């Protein structure tokens, strides 16, 4: 019987817990220092350039390794 009351109490207290969660979330979001729009653009540009640089690097490495493996297979299958 005690366990049933515990479940009922927990089920009844969820609105207060949800409200408390959102109040705390709101307070934390007020404390956040957001970057300036200029800084957001600059870091976004860096990320985009880095993604393309890594993509190019991995493309070249993939081509070289692929050709080496093909030559290796061709050498041993003759």
C-alpha atoms as a PDB file:
ATOM      1  CA  UNK A   1       0.000   0.000   0.000  1.00  0.00           C
ATOM      2  CA  UNK A   2       2.860   2.358   0.789  1.00  0.00           C
ATOM      3  CA  UNK A   3       4.331   1.774  -2.660  1.00  0.00           C
ATOM      4  CA  UNK A   4       1.045   2.765  -4.312  1.00  0.00           C
ATOM      5  CA  UNK A   5       1.030   6.060  -2.452  1.00  0.00           C
ATOM      6  CA  UNK A   6       4.576   6.697  -3.526  1.00  0.00           C
ATOM      7  CA  UNK A   7       3.655   6.174  -7.182  1.00  0.00           C
ATOM      8  CA  UNK A   8       0.569   8.339  -6.788  1.00  0.00           C
ATOM      9  CA  UNK A   9       2.571  11.088  -5.104  1.00  0.00           C
ATOM     10  CA  UNK A  10       5.219  10.947  -7.804  1.00  0.00           C
ATOM     11  CA  UNK A  11       2.583  11.031 -10.541  1.00  0.00           C
ATOM     12  CA  UNK A  12       0.892  13.988  -8.886  1.00  0.00           C
ATOM     13  CA  UNK A  13       4.105  15.940  -8.445  1.00  0.00           C
ATOM     14  CA  UNK A  14       5.215  15.903 -12.085  1.00  0.00           C
ATOM     15  CA  UNK A  15       3.613  19.254 -13.012  1.00  0.00           C
ATOM     16  CA  UNK A  16       5.564  20.984 -10.236  1.00  0.00           C
ATOM     17  CA  UNK A  17       8.784  19.276 -11.305  1.00  0.00           C
ATOM     18  CA  UNK A  18       8.259  20.262 -14.956  1.00  0.00           C
ATOM     19  CA  UNK A  19       7.520  23.868 -13.931  1.00  0.00           C
ATOM     20  CA  UNK A  20      10.649  23.927 -11.755  1.00  0.00           C
ATOM     21  CA  UNK A  21      12.724  22.536 -14.632  1.00  0.00           C
ATOM     22  CA  UNK A  22      11.579  25.270 -17.012  1.00  0.00           C
ATOM     23  CA  UNK A  23      12.116  28.002 -14.414  1.00  0.00           C
ATOM     24  CA  UNK A  24      15.687  26.816 -13.859  1.00  0.00           C
ATOM     25  CA  UNK A  25      16.213  26.532 -17.613  1.00  0.00           C
ATOM     26  CA  UNK A  26      15.019  30.106 -18.070  1.00  0.00           C
ATOM     27  CA  UNK A  27      17.419  31.354 -15.372  1.00  0.00           C
ATOM     28  CA  UNK A  28      20.362  29.501 -16.940  1.00  0.00           C
ATOM     29  CA  UNK A  29      19.578  30.857 -20.397  1.00  0.00           C
ATOM     30  CA  UNK A  30      19.689  34.403 -18.980  1.00  0.00           C
ATOM     31  CA  UNK A  31      23.230  33.711 -17.743  1.00  0.00           C
ATOM     32  CA  UNK A  32      24.489  32.590 -21.151  1.00  0.00           C
ATOM     33  CA  UNK A  33      26.754  35.030 -22.944  1.00  0.00           C
ATOM     34  CA  UNK A  34      25.971  34.774 -26.628  1.00  0.00           C
ATOM     35  CA  UNK A  35      28.684  35.527 -29.214  1.00  0.00           C
ATOM     36  CA  UNK A  36      28.412  38.553 -31.454  1.00  0.00           C
ATOM     37  CA  UNK A  37      27.077  38.038 -34.987  1.00  0.00           C
ATOM     38  CA  UNK A  38      30.507  38.894 -36.439  1.00  0.00           C
ATOM     39  CA  UNK A  39      32.130  36.166 -34.326  1.00  0.00           C
ATOM     40  CA  UNK A  40      29.464  33.641 -35.365  1.00  0.00           C
ATOM     41  CA  UNK A  41      30.119  34.365 -39.046  1.00  0.00           C
ATOM     42  CA  UNK A  42      33.884  34.103 -38.610  1.00  0.00           C
ATOM     43  CA  UNK A  43      33.792  30.788 -36.767  1.00  0.00           C
ATOM     44  CA  UNK A  44      31.240  29.404 -39.216  1.00  0.00           C
ATOM     45  CA  UNK A  45      33.548  30.305 -42.101  1.00  0.00           C
ATOM     46  CA  UNK A  46      36.455  28.570 -40.353  1.00  0.00           C
ATOM     47  CA  UNK A  47      34.378  25.432 -39.867  1.00  0.00           C
ATOM     48  CA  UNK A  48      33.238  25.367 -43.505  1.00  0.00           C
ATOM     49  CA  UNK A  49      36.792  25.846 -44.791  1.00  0.00           C
ATOM     50  CA  UNK A  50      38.077  23.140 -42.441  1.00  0.00           C
ATOM     51  CA  UNK A  51      35.377  20.703 -43.604  1.00  0.00           C
ATOM     52  CA  UNK A  52      36.331  21.214 -47.251  1.00  0.00           C
ATOM     53  CA  UNK A  53      40.040  20.951 -46.441  1.00  0.00           C
ATOM     54  CA  UNK A  54      39.546  17.657 -44.613  1.00  0.00           C
ATOM     55  CA  UNK A  55      37.293  16.390 -47.405  1.00  0.00           C
ATOM     56  CA  UNK A  56      40.007  17.157 -49.955  1.00  0.00           C
ATOM     57  CA  UNK A  57      42.680  15.534 -47.819  1.00  0.00           C
ATOM     58  CA  UNK A  58      40.667  12.357 -47.293  1.00  0.00           C
ATOM     59  CA  UNK A  59      39.785  12.239 -50.997  1.00  0.00           C
ATOM     60  CA  UNK A  60      43.484  12.296 -51.927  1.00  0.00           C
ATOM     61  CA  UNK A  61      44.399   9.714 -49.279  1.00  0.00           C
ATOM     62  CA  UNK A  62      41.524   7.474 -50.434  1.00  0.00           C
ATOM     63  CA  UNK A  63      42.679   7.694 -54.056  1.00  0.00           C
ATOM     64  CA  UNK A  64      46.302   6.882 -53.161  1.00  0.00           C
ATOM     65  CA  UNK A  65      45.404   3.963 -50.880  1.00  0.00           C
ATOM     66  CA  UNK A  66      42.904   2.655 -53.433  1.00  0.00           C
ATOM     67  CA  UNK A  67      45.495   2.665 -56.199  1.00  0.00           C
ATOM     68  CA  UNK A  68      48.058   0.991 -53.952  1.00  0.00           C
ATOM     69  CA  UNK A  69      45.619  -1.764 -53.050  1.00  0.00           C
ATOM     70  CA  UNK A  70      44.663  -2.228 -56.705  1.00  0.00           C
ATOM     71  CA  UNK A  71      48.340  -2.522 -57.696  1.00  0.00           C
ATOM     72  CA  UNK A  72      48.927  -4.952 -54.841  1.00  0.00           C
ATOM     73  CA  UNK A  73      46.021  -7.164 -55.949  1.00  0.00           C
ATOM     74  CA  UNK A  74      47.115  -6.988 -59.586  1.00  0.00           C
ATOM     75  CA  UNK A  75      50.654  -8.013 -58.617  1.00  0.00           C
ATOM     76  CA  UNK A  76      49.539 -11.059 -56.631  1.00  0.00           C
ATOM     77  CA  UNK A  77      46.836 -12.234 -59.049  1.00  0.00           C
ATOM     78  CA  UNK A  78      49.158 -12.563 -62.072  1.00  0.00           C
END
